[in-house]
Amino acid sequence: MLEKQVSVQGLPIPVYRYGKGHEAYVFLFAGFHGNEPQGPFMLEQLMKTLESNPAYYSGKSIFVVPRVNPDALLSKRRTNTNHVDLNRNFPTQNFIAHANKGTAYYAGATALSEPETQLVYELLSSFTLPERSAKTKILSIHAPYATNNYDGPARALAEAMKSFNHYRVSVDIGYPTPGSFGTYYGKERGLRVITLETDNSSPQAAWEKQEKALLAFLQFPNPEIYPTEGDGGAGH
């Protein structure tokens, strides 16, 4: 576990790493919004799968950040302690300082003004480089729109997940999202980004519905969601 940063209130934001391989770089994020508890629970369950099945990260490096916004998860609100929507705080071309101030979609005074978004940015910074970007795939879990939303060259990945969760595949969430994570890393930096929007079911129900879709994400482009018996993997 790597603890590179803390939240506004000083809570740790753990980053868990599985494997040290270079065949693929996989990033899993949840808890950008504290009123969306499904994602953190799902990634915590998925981590148990990784811990008991190292073949999933044989030759790969998998990074898991289940609680990007720990302060908000405690208070069950969307924004962080500074009232900033972390999913509007990335340095996109359409970022607007102080946009939507006073609402739950407040962009912040500047892009990357928040320690939580700074952690995500620093974690991903070297993986946007040409020698790594083609090997990188990113999943961010939100709620409640029940869709496999994709940015960048990730449509095939979204379709693979659809085979298991039966959610629609969408390239547009349906409303403007200036400063969003997906816009920055998918549309502008060209990485494969999936925003998995679960429905409003309980965290346990969301996990039960999405487990195989998450395994499909890990394994893609391999069509098999379970690693071949005998595959090895380094510890984490």
C-alpha atoms as a PDB file:
ATOM      1  CA  MET A   1       0.000   0.000   0.000  1.00  0.00           C
ATOM      2  CA  LEU A   2       1.234   3.474  -0.893  1.00  0.00           C
ATOM      3  CA  GLU A   3       0.000   6.533   0.985  1.00  0.00           C
ATOM      4  CA  LYS A   4       1.224   9.454  -1.095  1.00  0.00           C
ATOM      5  CA  GLN A   5      -1.349  12.016  -0.044  1.00  0.00           C
ATOM      6  CA  VAL A   6      -4.041  12.841   2.463  1.00  0.00           C
ATOM      7  CA  SER A   7      -7.446  14.476   2.120  1.00  0.00           C
ATOM      8  CA  VAL A   8      -8.337  18.032   3.111  1.00  0.00           C
ATOM      9  CA  GLN A   9      -9.151  16.747   6.619  1.00  0.00           C
ATOM     10  CA  GLY A  10      -5.909  14.769   6.777  1.00  0.00           C
ATOM     11  CA  LEU A  11      -7.361  11.313   6.157  1.00  0.00           C
ATOM     12  CA  PRO A  12      -5.075   8.949   4.224  1.00  0.00           C
ATOM     13  CA  ILE A  13      -5.947   8.055   0.635  1.00  0.00           C
ATOM     14  CA  PRO A  14      -4.404   4.603   0.234  1.00  0.00           C
ATOM     15  CA  VAL A  15      -3.149   3.439  -3.150  1.00  0.00           C
ATOM     16  CA  TYR A  16      -2.831  -0.342  -3.387  1.00  0.00           C
ATOM     17  CA  ARG A  17      -0.533  -1.933  -5.946  1.00  0.00           C
ATOM     18  CA  TYR A  18      -0.697  -5.497  -7.233  1.00  0.00           C
ATOM     19  CA  GLY A  19       2.163  -6.754  -9.382  1.00  0.00           C
ATOM     20  CA  LYS A  20       5.162  -4.996 -10.866  1.00  0.00           C
ATOM     21  CA  GLY A  21       4.863  -6.077 -14.486  1.00  0.00           C
ATOM     22  CA  HIS A  22       4.974  -3.904 -17.601  1.00  0.00           C
ATOM     23  CA  GLU A  23       2.684  -5.768 -19.997  1.00  0.00           C
ATOM     24  CA  ALA A  24      -0.281  -3.643 -18.883  1.00  0.00           C
ATOM     25  CA  TYR A  25      -1.020  -0.847 -16.426  1.00  0.00           C
ATOM     26  CA  VAL A  26      -4.450  -0.958 -14.839  1.00  0.00           C
ATOM     27  CA  PHE A  27      -5.989   1.746 -12.641  1.00  0.00           C
ATOM     28  CA  LEU A  28      -9.183   1.373 -10.610  1.00  0.00           C
ATOM     29  CA  PHE A  29     -10.745   4.388  -8.860  1.00  0.00           C
ATOM     30  CA  ALA A  30     -13.881   4.842  -6.752  1.00  0.00           C
ATOM     31  CA  GLY A  31     -15.251   7.227  -4.176  1.00  0.00           C
ATOM     32  CA  PHE A  32     -14.789  10.492  -6.082  1.00  0.00           C
ATOM     33  CA  HIS A  33     -18.229  11.360  -4.676  1.00  0.00           C
ATOM     34  CA  GLY A  34     -19.088  10.490  -1.097  1.00  0.00           C
ATOM     35  CA  ASN A  35     -22.772   9.923  -1.818  1.00  0.00           C
ATOM     36  CA  GLU A  36     -21.936   7.025  -4.164  1.00  0.00           C
ATOM     37  CA  PRO A  37     -20.954   4.170  -1.791  1.00  0.00           C
ATOM     38  CA  GLN A  38     -21.217   1.396  -4.365  1.00  0.00           C
ATOM     39  CA  GLY A  39     -17.785   1.939  -5.915  1.00  0.00           C
ATOM     40  CA  PRO A  40     -15.635   1.777  -2.762  1.00  0.00           C
ATOM     41  CA  PHE A  41     -17.382  -1.400  -1.655  1.00  0.00           C
ATOM     42  CA  MET A  42     -16.983  -2.992  -5.089  1.00  0.00           C
ATOM     43  CA  LEU A  43     -13.267  -2.249  -5.274  1.00  0.00           C
ATOM     44  CA  GLU A  44     -12.714  -3.544  -1.753  1.00  0.00           C
ATOM     45  CA  GLN A  45     -14.363  -6.801  -2.806  1.00  0.00           C
ATOM     46  CA  LEU A  46     -12.318  -6.889  -6.006  1.00  0.00           C
ATOM     47  CA  MET A  47      -9.132  -6.455  -3.967  1.00  0.00           C
ATOM     48  CA  LYS A  48      -9.981  -9.675  -2.128  1.00  0.00           C
ATOM     49  CA  THR A  49     -10.160 -11.405  -5.510  1.00  0.00           C
ATOM     50  CA  LEU A  50      -6.760 -10.000  -6.478  1.00  0.00           C
ATOM     51  CA  GLU A  51      -5.226 -11.064  -3.185  1.00  0.00           C
ATOM     52  CA  SER A  52      -6.405 -14.635  -3.614  1.00  0.00           C
ATOM     53  CA  ASN A  53      -5.755 -14.848  -7.383  1.00  0.00           C
ATOM     54  CA  PRO A  54      -2.338 -13.376  -8.259  1.00  0.00           C
ATOM     55  CA  ALA A  55      -2.703 -14.650 -11.836  1.00  0.00           C
ATOM     56  CA  TYR A  56      -4.871 -11.564 -12.473  1.00  0.00           C
ATOM     57  CA  TYR A  57      -1.779  -9.383 -12.249  1.00  0.00           C
ATOM     58  CA  SER A  58       0.818 -11.707 -13.725  1.00  0.00           C
ATOM     59  CA  GLY A  59       3.029  -9.480 -15.854  1.00  0.00           C
ATOM     60  CA  LYS A  60       0.889  -6.433 -15.026  1.00  0.00           C
ATOM     61  CA  SER A  61       0.748  -3.581 -12.549  1.00  0.00           C
ATOM     62  CA  ILE A  62      -2.684  -2.918 -11.049  1.00  0.00           C
ATOM     63  CA  PHE A  63      -3.281   0.182  -8.914  1.00  0.00           C
ATOM     64  CA  VAL A  64      -6.448   0.438  -6.798  1.00  0.00           C
ATOM     65  CA  VAL A  65      -7.710   3.622  -5.095  1.00  0.00           C
ATOM     66  CA  PRO A  66     -11.040   2.662  -3.521  1.00  0.00           C
ATOM     67  CA  ARG A  67     -11.605   5.925  -1.611  1.00  0.00           C
ATOM     68  CA  VAL A  68     -10.485   8.975  -3.544  1.00  0.00           C
ATOM     69  CA  ASN A  69     -12.611  11.311  -1.372  1.00  0.00           C
ATOM     70  CA  PRO A  70     -12.569   9.836   2.163  1.00  0.00           C
ATOM     71  CA  ASP A  71     -13.899  12.975   3.877  1.00  0.00           C
ATOM     72  CA  ALA A  72     -17.030  12.978   1.733  1.00  0.00           C
ATOM     73  CA  LEU A  73     -17.576   9.246   2.168  1.00  0.00           C
ATOM     74  CA  LEU A  74     -17.782   9.819   5.918  1.00  0.00           C
ATOM     75  CA  SER A  75     -20.301  12.642   5.530  1.00  0.00           C
ATOM     76  CA  LYS A  76     -22.099  11.035   2.560  1.00  0.00           C
ATOM     77  CA  ARG A  77     -21.902  14.188   0.450  1.00  0.00           C
ATOM     78  CA  ARG A  78     -20.794  14.630  -3.155  1.00  0.00           C
ATOM     79  CA  THR A  79     -18.084  17.242  -2.678  1.00  0.00           C
ATOM     80  CA  ASN A  80     -14.902  17.257  -0.636  1.00  0.00           C
ATOM     81  CA  THR A  81     -14.389  19.322   2.521  1.00  0.00           C
ATOM     82  CA  ASN A  82     -13.663  22.431   0.407  1.00  0.00           C
ATOM     83  CA  HIS A  83     -17.057  21.937  -1.326  1.00  0.00           C
ATOM     84  CA  VAL A  84     -15.317  21.050  -4.616  1.00  0.00           C
ATOM     85  CA  ASP A  85     -16.654  18.384  -6.962  1.00  0.00           C
ATOM     86  CA  LEU A  86     -13.484  16.372  -7.610  1.00  0.00           C
ATOM     87  CA  ASN A  87     -14.870  15.209 -10.961  1.00  0.00           C
ATOM     88  CA  ARG A  88     -14.889  18.826 -12.191  1.00  0.00           C
ATOM     89  CA  ASN A  89     -11.399  19.709 -10.904  1.00  0.00           C
ATOM     90  CA  PHE A  90      -9.147  18.246 -13.618  1.00  0.00           C
ATOM     91  CA  PRO A  91      -7.152  20.460 -16.042  1.00  0.00           C
ATOM     92  CA  THR A  92      -9.305  19.962 -19.131  1.00  0.00           C
ATOM     93  CA  GLN A  93      -9.383  22.442 -21.977  1.00  0.00           C
ATOM     94  CA  ASN A  94     -12.929  23.378 -20.927  1.00  0.00           C
ATOM     95  CA  PHE A  95     -12.154  23.858 -17.223  1.00  0.00           C
ATOM     96  CA  ILE A  96     -13.660  27.099 -15.885  1.00  0.00           C
ATOM     97  CA  ALA A  97     -12.382  28.459 -12.583  1.00  0.00           C
ATOM     98  CA  HIS A  98     -15.126  28.859  -9.961  1.00  0.00           C
ATOM     99  CA  ALA A  99     -17.724  27.300 -12.268  1.00  0.00           C
ATOM    100  CA  ASN A 100     -20.944  26.354 -10.451  1.00  0.00           C
ATOM    101  CA  LYS A 101     -19.774  27.865  -7.178  1.00  0.00           C
ATOM    102  CA  GLY A 102     -22.245  27.240  -4.401  1.00  0.00           C
ATOM    103  CA  THR A 103     -23.514  24.016  -5.954  1.00  0.00           C
ATOM    104  CA  ALA A 104     -22.539  20.361  -5.656  1.00  0.00           C
ATOM    105  CA  TYR A 105     -20.731  20.708  -9.017  1.00  0.00           C
ATOM    106  CA  TYR A 106     -18.305  23.466  -7.978  1.00  0.00           C
ATOM    107  CA  ALA A 107     -15.133  23.196 -10.095  1.00  0.00           C
ATOM    108  CA  GLY A 108     -12.806  24.889  -7.602  1.00  0.00           C
ATOM    109  CA  ALA A 109     -10.657  28.005  -7.815  1.00  0.00           C
ATOM    110  CA  THR A 110      -8.116  26.343 -10.114  1.00  0.00           C
ATOM    111  CA  ALA A 111      -7.730  22.965 -11.765  1.00  0.00           C
ATOM    112  CA  LEU A 112      -6.107  20.437  -9.411  1.00  0.00           C
ATOM    113  CA  SER A 113      -6.689  22.750  -6.472  1.00  0.00           C
ATOM    114  CA  GLU A 114      -7.569  19.790  -4.226  1.00  0.00           C
ATOM    115  CA  PRO A 115      -5.199  17.283  -2.580  1.00  0.00           C
ATOM    116  CA  GLU A 116      -7.421  14.423  -3.705  1.00  0.00           C
ATOM    117  CA  THR A 117      -7.227  15.312  -7.402  1.00  0.00           C
ATOM    118  CA  GLN A 118      -3.516  16.055  -7.033  1.00  0.00           C
ATOM    119  CA  LEU A 119      -2.993  12.464  -5.865  1.00  0.00           C
ATOM    120  CA  VAL A 120      -4.822  11.061  -8.898  1.00  0.00           C
ATOM    121  CA  TYR A 121      -2.917  13.358 -11.254  1.00  0.00           C
ATOM    122  CA  GLU A 122       0.472  12.460  -9.767  1.00  0.00           C
ATOM    123  CA  LEU A 123      -0.329   8.740  -9.806  1.00  0.00           C
ATOM    124  CA  LEU A 124      -1.229   8.821 -13.512  1.00  0.00           C
ATOM    125  CA  SER A 125       1.338  11.380 -14.694  1.00  0.00           C
ATOM    126  CA  SER A 126       3.958   8.960 -16.042  1.00  0.00           C
ATOM    127  CA  PHE A 127       1.323   6.700 -17.636  1.00  0.00           C
ATOM    128  CA  THR A 128       0.183   9.333 -20.123  1.00  0.00           C
ATOM    129  CA  LEU A 129       3.588   9.156 -21.844  1.00  0.00           C
ATOM    130  CA  PRO A 130       3.599   7.466 -25.289  1.00  0.00           C
ATOM    131  CA  GLU A 131       5.637   4.451 -24.161  1.00  0.00           C
ATOM    132  CA  ARG A 132       3.029   3.594 -21.508  1.00  0.00           C
ATOM    133  CA  SER A 133      -0.283   5.084 -22.617  1.00  0.00           C
ATOM    134  CA  ALA A 134      -1.168   2.313 -25.084  1.00  0.00           C
ATOM    135  CA  LYS A 135      -0.756  -0.244 -22.286  1.00  0.00           C
ATOM    136  CA  THR A 136      -2.875   1.724 -19.805  1.00  0.00           C
ATOM    137  CA  LYS A 137      -6.571   1.283 -19.006  1.00  0.00           C
ATOM    138  CA  ILE A 138      -8.558   3.087 -16.345  1.00  0.00           C
ATOM    139  CA  LEU A 139     -11.834   2.382 -14.571  1.00  0.00           C
ATOM    140  CA  SER A 140     -13.687   4.955 -12.481  1.00  0.00           C
ATOM    141  CA  ILE A 141     -16.853   3.849 -10.678  1.00  0.00           C
ATOM    142  CA  HIS A 142     -19.787   6.193 -10.101  1.00  0.00           C
ATOM    143  CA  ALA A 143     -23.591   6.034  -9.712  1.00  0.00           C
ATOM    144  CA  PRO A 144     -26.529   6.087 -10.531  1.00  0.00           C
ATOM    145  CA  TYR A 145     -26.939   6.164 -14.359  1.00  0.00           C
ATOM    146  CA  ALA A 146     -26.456   2.439 -15.136  1.00  0.00           C
ATOM    147  CA  THR A 147     -24.138   2.760 -18.121  1.00  0.00           C
ATOM    148  CA  ASN A 148     -20.714   1.736 -19.389  1.00  0.00           C
ATOM    149  CA  ASN A 149     -19.523   5.200 -20.377  1.00  0.00           C
ATOM    150  CA  TYR A 150     -16.233   5.408 -22.225  1.00  0.00           C
ATOM    151  CA  ASP A 151     -13.734   8.099 -23.184  1.00  0.00           C
ATOM    152  CA  GLY A 152     -10.772   7.715 -25.489  1.00  0.00           C
ATOM    153  CA  PRO A 153     -10.231   4.472 -27.450  1.00  0.00           C
ATOM    154  CA  ALA A 154     -12.229   2.321 -25.025  1.00  0.00           C
ATOM    155  CA  ARG A 155     -15.406   1.348 -26.846  1.00  0.00           C
ATOM    156  CA  ALA A 156     -14.367  -2.306 -27.243  1.00  0.00           C
ATOM    157  CA  LEU A 157     -13.600  -2.433 -23.541  1.00  0.00           C
ATOM    158  CA  ALA A 158     -17.029  -0.993 -22.707  1.00  0.00           C
ATOM    159  CA  GLU A 159     -18.661  -3.574 -24.980  1.00  0.00           C
ATOM    160  CA  ALA A 160     -16.790  -6.369 -23.180  1.00  0.00           C
ATOM    161  CA  MET A 161     -18.180  -5.158 -19.859  1.00  0.00           C
ATOM    162  CA  LYS A 162     -21.673  -4.861 -21.337  1.00  0.00           C
ATOM    163  CA  SER A 163     -21.591  -8.597 -22.062  1.00  0.00           C
ATOM    164  CA  PHE A 164     -21.685  -9.202 -18.310  1.00  0.00           C
ATOM    165  CA  ASN A 165     -23.541  -6.278 -16.714  1.00  0.00           C
ATOM    166  CA  HIS A 166     -25.952  -5.665 -19.640  1.00  0.00           C
ATOM    167  CA  TYR A 167     -25.720  -1.896 -19.228  1.00  0.00           C
ATOM    168  CA  ARG A 168     -25.830   0.291 -22.309  1.00  0.00           C
ATOM    169  CA  VAL A 169     -22.578   1.586 -23.790  1.00  0.00           C
ATOM    170  CA  SER A 170     -22.396   5.382 -23.998  1.00  0.00           C
ATOM    171  CA  VAL A 171     -19.839   7.885 -25.231  1.00  0.00           C
ATOM    172  CA  ASP A 172     -21.722  10.789 -23.624  1.00  0.00           C
ATOM    173  CA  ILE A 173     -23.168  10.783 -20.116  1.00  0.00           C
ATOM    174  CA  GLY A 174     -25.925  13.139 -21.312  1.00  0.00           C
ATOM    175  CA  TYR A 175     -24.914  16.484 -19.819  1.00  0.00           C
ATOM    176  CA  PRO A 176     -21.821  18.744 -19.843  1.00  0.00           C
ATOM    177  CA  THR A 177     -18.957  17.680 -17.567  1.00  0.00           C
ATOM    178  CA  PRO A 178     -16.221  20.347 -17.842  1.00  0.00           C
ATOM    179  CA  GLY A 179     -13.155  19.473 -15.797  1.00  0.00           C
ATOM    180  CA  SER A 180     -14.066  15.799 -15.576  1.00  0.00           C
ATOM    181  CA  PHE A 181     -11.656  12.908 -15.086  1.00  0.00           C
ATOM    182  CA  GLY A 182     -12.909  11.095 -18.189  1.00  0.00           C
ATOM    183  CA  THR A 183     -12.609  14.146 -20.418  1.00  0.00           C
ATOM    184  CA  TYR A 184      -9.057  14.832 -19.326  1.00  0.00           C
ATOM    185  CA  TYR A 185      -7.614  11.319 -19.437  1.00  0.00           C
ATOM    186  CA  GLY A 186      -9.764   9.843 -22.201  1.00  0.00           C
ATOM    187  CA  LYS A 187     -10.686  12.554 -24.675  1.00  0.00           C
ATOM    188  CA  GLU A 188      -7.644  14.779 -24.194  1.00  0.00           C
ATOM    189  CA  ARG A 189      -4.821  12.412 -23.183  1.00  0.00           C
ATOM    190  CA  GLY A 190      -5.994   9.493 -25.311  1.00  0.00           C
ATOM    191  CA  LEU A 191      -6.104   6.799 -22.622  1.00  0.00           C
ATOM    192  CA  ARG A 192      -8.736   4.072 -22.446  1.00  0.00           C
ATOM    193  CA  VAL A 193     -11.125   5.256 -19.726  1.00  0.00           C
ATOM    194  CA  ILE A 194     -14.319   3.571 -18.558  1.00  0.00           C
ATOM    195  CA  THR A 195     -16.708   5.350 -16.209  1.00  0.00           C
ATOM    196  CA  LEU A 196     -18.874   2.558 -14.871  1.00  0.00           C
ATOM    197  CA  GLU A 197     -22.090   4.090 -13.590  1.00  0.00           C
ATOM    198  CA  THR A 198     -23.929   1.595 -11.400  1.00  0.00           C
ATOM    199  CA  ASP A 199     -27.597   1.975 -10.559  1.00  0.00           C
ATOM    200  CA  ASN A 200     -28.830   3.079  -7.124  1.00  0.00           C
ATOM    201  CA  SER A 201     -28.884  -0.415  -5.634  1.00  0.00           C
ATOM    202  CA  SER A 202     -27.061  -1.293  -2.430  1.00  0.00           C
ATOM    203  CA  PRO A 203     -23.272  -1.727  -2.531  1.00  0.00           C
ATOM    204  CA  GLN A 204     -23.652  -5.489  -2.081  1.00  0.00           C
ATOM    205  CA  ALA A 205     -26.195  -5.737  -4.912  1.00  0.00           C
ATOM    206  CA  ALA A 206     -23.988  -3.586  -7.142  1.00  0.00           C
ATOM    207  CA  TRP A 207     -21.034  -5.883  -6.519  1.00  0.00           C
ATOM    208  CA  GLU A 208     -23.071  -8.980  -7.300  1.00  0.00           C
ATOM    209  CA  LYS A 209     -24.234  -7.451 -10.581  1.00  0.00           C
ATOM    210  CA  GLN A 210     -20.854  -6.034 -11.601  1.00  0.00           C
ATOM    211  CA  GLU A 211     -18.347  -8.642 -10.407  1.00  0.00           C
ATOM    212  CA  LYS A 212     -17.938 -10.363 -13.769  1.00  0.00           C
ATOM    213  CA  ALA A 213     -17.878  -7.055 -15.645  1.00  0.00           C
ATOM    214  CA  LEU A 214     -15.005  -5.933 -13.412  1.00  0.00           C
ATOM    215  CA  LEU A 215     -13.156  -9.181 -14.057  1.00  0.00           C
ATOM    216  CA  ALA A 216     -13.721  -8.647 -17.783  1.00  0.00           C
ATOM    217  CA  PHE A 217     -12.168  -5.201 -17.422  1.00  0.00           C
ATOM    218  CA  LEU A 218      -9.112  -6.676 -15.698  1.00  0.00           C
ATOM    219  CA  GLN A 219      -8.653  -9.369 -18.325  1.00  0.00           C
ATOM    220  CA  PHE A 220      -9.409  -7.341 -21.480  1.00  0.00           C
ATOM    221  CA  PRO A 221      -8.512  -7.972 -24.310  1.00  0.00           C
ATOM    222  CA  ASN A 222      -8.480 -11.595 -23.144  1.00  0.00           C
ATOM    223  CA  PRO A 223     -12.102 -12.782 -23.604  1.00  0.00           C
ATOM    224  CA  GLU A 224     -11.783 -15.162 -20.637  1.00  0.00           C
ATOM    225  CA  ILE A 225     -12.608 -13.489 -17.324  1.00  0.00           C
ATOM    226  CA  TYR A 226     -10.746 -16.065 -15.240  1.00  0.00           C
ATOM    227  CA  PRO A 227      -6.961 -16.391 -15.621  1.00  0.00           C
ATOM    228  CA  THR A 228      -5.557 -19.629 -16.966  1.00  0.00           C
ATOM    229  CA  GLU A 229      -4.666 -22.086 -14.208  1.00  0.00           C
ATOM    230  CA  GLY A 230      -0.997 -21.995 -13.386  1.00  0.00           C
ATOM    231  CA  ASP A 231      -0.457 -18.330 -14.260  1.00  0.00           C
ATOM    232  CA  GLY A 232       1.886 -16.713 -11.802  1.00  0.00           C
ATOM    233  CA  GLY A 233       2.134 -13.241 -10.359  1.00  0.00           C
ATOM    234  CA  ALA A 234       4.328 -11.136  -8.163  1.00  0.00           C
ATOM    235  CA  GLY A 235       3.192 -10.049  -4.733  1.00  0.00           C
ATOM    236  CA  HIS A 236       1.944  -6.583  -3.920  1.00  0.00           C
END
